[in-house]
Amino acid sequence: MQTKMLKLTVLFLAFATMSAVAQRRQPPDPATMVQHRVDFLTTKLGLTPDQQQQATTIFTNSMNGMKSTHDQMRSAEQALHTAVSKGDNAAIDQAAGTIGNLTAQMISAHAKSDAQFMQILNADQQAKYAQIESHGPGHGFGPGFRRGGPPE
């Protein structure tokens, strides 16, 4: 189960990154992203109004809790860009290490919010969710984070 959650989270992050690069326009605010995700999951899983409210709370808390990590990621990516332009190998290694650690934190936070979400689903919904996630990136998550975090 944890392996599946990690796989799903990694696929989600990849999809979110691809979506951000492809769109190049101002992404929706975090509340809109959460609402899109809950709407998508409601359609696919038949969430009850109570489950929708719980899912909204779970995903909103997750996004709010990761704001600092996303801000740190932006700084680390800028530091990496600067180090590359200067040819500073030590700074490249340091920035890459920071990005790796922050990525691990983001994956963990996403997986934890997904674990919370799974707890509010009944057995039939969990089976449907497992079927959705088996189709790959974007199918279980709907709109979500872009790499570097939610917009300001």
Protein backbone atom coordinates (compact mmCIF):
# COMPACT_ATOMS: atom_id res chain seq x y z
CA MET A 1 0.00 0.00 0.00
CA GLN A 2 2.82 2.44 0.86
CA THR A 3 4.62 1.60 -2.38
CA LYS A 4 1.45 2.36 -4.33
CA MET A 5 0.99 5.65 -2.49
CA LEU A 6 4.60 6.65 -3.18
CA LYS A 7 4.23 5.69 -6.85
CA LEU A 8 1.00 7.64 -7.09
CA THR A 9 2.53 10.67 -5.41
CA VAL A 10 5.56 10.65 -7.71
CA LEU A 11 3.30 10.34 -10.73
CA PHE A 12 1.18 13.21 -9.44
CA LEU A 13 4.22 15.45 -9.01
CA ALA A 14 5.39 14.59 -12.53
CA PHE A 15 1.96 15.37 -13.97
CA ALA A 16 1.70 18.61 -12.03
CA THR A 17 5.13 19.69 -13.29
CA MET A 18 4.24 18.86 -16.90
CA SER A 19 0.96 20.74 -16.58
CA ALA A 20 2.68 23.83 -15.19
CA VAL A 21 5.25 23.85 -18.00
CA ALA A 22 2.59 23.33 -20.67
CA GLN A 23 0.26 26.04 -19.41
CA ARG A 24 2.68 28.92 -18.76
CA ARG A 25 -0.20 31.04 -17.55
CA GLN A 26 -1.12 31.99 -14.04
CA PRO A 27 -2.22 28.81 -12.29
CA PRO A 28 -5.38 28.84 -10.22
CA ASP A 29 -5.13 29.78 -6.57
CA PRO A 30 -4.75 26.96 -4.02
CA ALA A 31 -8.44 27.01 -3.02
CA THR A 32 -9.45 26.58 -6.66
CA MET A 33 -6.99 23.72 -7.11
CA VAL A 34 -8.41 21.97 -4.04
CA GLN A 35 -11.96 22.50 -5.29
CA HIS A 36 -11.08 21.06 -8.72
CA ARG A 37 -9.52 18.03 -7.06
CA VAL A 38 -12.52 17.46 -4.78
CA ASP A 39 -14.91 17.92 -7.72
CA PHE A 40 -12.92 15.39 -9.77
CA LEU A 41 -12.87 12.87 -6.93
CA THR A 42 -16.57 13.44 -6.23
CA THR A 43 -17.39 12.63 -9.84
CA LYS A 44 -15.17 9.55 -9.95
CA LEU A 45 -15.83 8.17 -6.46
CA GLY A 46 -19.29 9.45 -5.58
CA LEU A 47 -18.14 11.35 -2.49
CA THR A 48 -20.90 12.31 -0.08
CA PRO A 49 -21.22 15.96 1.00
CA ASP A 50 -19.54 15.06 4.31
CA GLN A 51 -16.66 13.35 2.47
CA GLN A 52 -16.33 16.37 0.18
CA GLN A 53 -16.00 18.65 3.19
CA GLN A 54 -13.46 16.33 4.83
CA ALA A 55 -11.47 16.03 1.58
CA THR A 56 -11.47 19.81 1.17
CA THR A 57 -10.13 20.21 4.71
CA ILE A 58 -7.47 17.51 4.21
CA PHE A 59 -6.20 18.91 0.91
CA THR A 60 -6.37 22.55 2.06
CA ASN A 61 -4.42 21.78 5.23
CA SER A 62 -1.87 19.90 3.16
CA MET A 63 -1.38 22.80 0.76
CA ASN A 64 -1.14 25.33 3.58
CA GLY A 65 1.31 23.14 5.46
CA MET A 66 3.58 22.84 2.44
CA LYS A 67 3.78 26.56 1.64
CA SER A 68 7.11 26.97 3.45
CA THR A 69 8.55 23.93 1.69
CA HIS A 70 7.45 25.29 -1.68
CA ASP A 71 9.01 28.67 -0.91
CA GLN A 72 12.25 26.94 0.05
CA MET A 73 12.09 24.95 -3.20
CA ARG A 74 11.85 28.15 -5.24
CA SER A 75 14.90 29.53 -3.45
CA ALA A 76 16.85 26.32 -3.92
CA GLU A 77 16.01 26.20 -7.62
CA GLN A 78 17.16 29.81 -8.01
CA ALA A 79 20.37 28.97 -6.14
CA LEU A 80 20.92 26.03 -8.49
CA HIS A 81 20.37 28.23 -11.53
CA THR A 82 22.85 30.79 -10.18
CA ALA A 83 25.42 28.11 -9.36
CA VAL A 84 25.12 26.63 -12.85
CA SER A 85 25.58 30.03 -14.49
CA LYS A 86 28.72 30.59 -12.38
CA GLY A 87 30.06 27.07 -12.86
CA ASP A 88 30.24 26.65 -9.07
CA ASN A 89 30.29 22.87 -8.58
CA ALA A 90 30.15 23.01 -4.78
CA ALA A 91 27.09 25.29 -4.86
CA ILE A 92 25.50 23.03 -7.49
CA ASP A 93 25.93 20.04 -5.18
CA GLN A 94 24.56 21.97 -2.22
CA ALA A 95 21.50 23.25 -4.13
CA ALA A 96 20.85 19.81 -5.64
CA GLY A 97 20.98 18.24 -2.18
CA THR A 98 18.55 20.83 -0.85
CA ILE A 99 16.18 20.23 -3.78
CA GLY A 100 16.37 16.47 -3.15
CA ASN A 101 15.52 16.88 0.54
CA LEU A 102 12.67 19.28 -0.18
CA THR A 103 11.31 16.95 -2.86
CA ALA A 104 11.29 14.12 -0.32
CA GLN A 105 9.41 16.34 2.13
CA MET A 106 6.82 17.23 -0.53
CA ILE A 107 6.32 13.59 -1.51
CA SER A 108 5.89 12.66 2.14
CA ALA A 109 3.37 15.44 2.73
CA HIS A 110 1.37 14.47 -0.36
CA ALA A 111 1.40 10.80 0.66
CA LYS A 112 0.23 11.68 4.17
CA SER A 113 -2.68 13.75 2.89
CA ASP A 114 -3.60 10.91 0.51
CA ALA A 115 -3.47 8.46 3.41
CA GLN A 116 -5.85 10.72 5.35
CA PHE A 117 -8.13 10.92 2.31
CA MET A 118 -8.16 7.13 1.95
CA GLN A 119 -9.38 6.85 5.55
CA ILE A 120 -12.60 8.72 4.76
CA LEU A 121 -13.48 6.41 1.84
CA ASN A 122 -15.61 3.30 2.11
CA ALA A 123 -14.36 -0.01 0.67
CA ASP A 124 -16.10 0.49 -2.69
CA GLN A 125 -14.64 3.99 -3.07
CA GLN A 126 -11.17 2.72 -2.13
CA ALA A 127 -11.45 0.07 -4.85
CA LYS A 128 -12.51 2.72 -7.40
CA TYR A 129 -9.67 4.97 -6.30
CA ALA A 130 -7.20 2.10 -6.73
CA GLN A 131 -8.56 1.57 -10.25
CA ILE A 132 -8.20 5.26 -11.06
CA GLU A 133 -4.62 5.42 -9.78
CA SER A 134 -3.66 2.37 -11.84
CA HIS A 135 -4.16 4.49 -14.98
CA GLY A 136 -1.22 6.74 -14.20
CA PRO A 137 -0.56 10.44 -13.70
CA GLY A 138 -3.45 12.82 -13.47
CA HIS A 139 -6.18 10.22 -13.21
CA GLY A 140 -6.41 10.09 -9.41
CA PHE A 141 -5.43 13.59 -8.50
CA GLY A 142 -7.00 16.03 -10.88
CA PRO A 143 -5.45 19.50 -10.75
CA GLY A 144 -2.85 19.94 -8.06
CA PHE A 145 0.46 21.45 -7.12
CA ARG A 146 2.87 22.67 -9.68
CA ARG A 147 6.55 22.19 -8.97
CA GLY A 148 7.72 25.06 -6.84
CA GLY A 149 4.47 25.29 -4.95
CA PRO A 150 1.14 26.98 -5.05
CA PRO A 151 0.92 30.49 -6.44
CA GLU A 152 1.24 33.43 -4.10
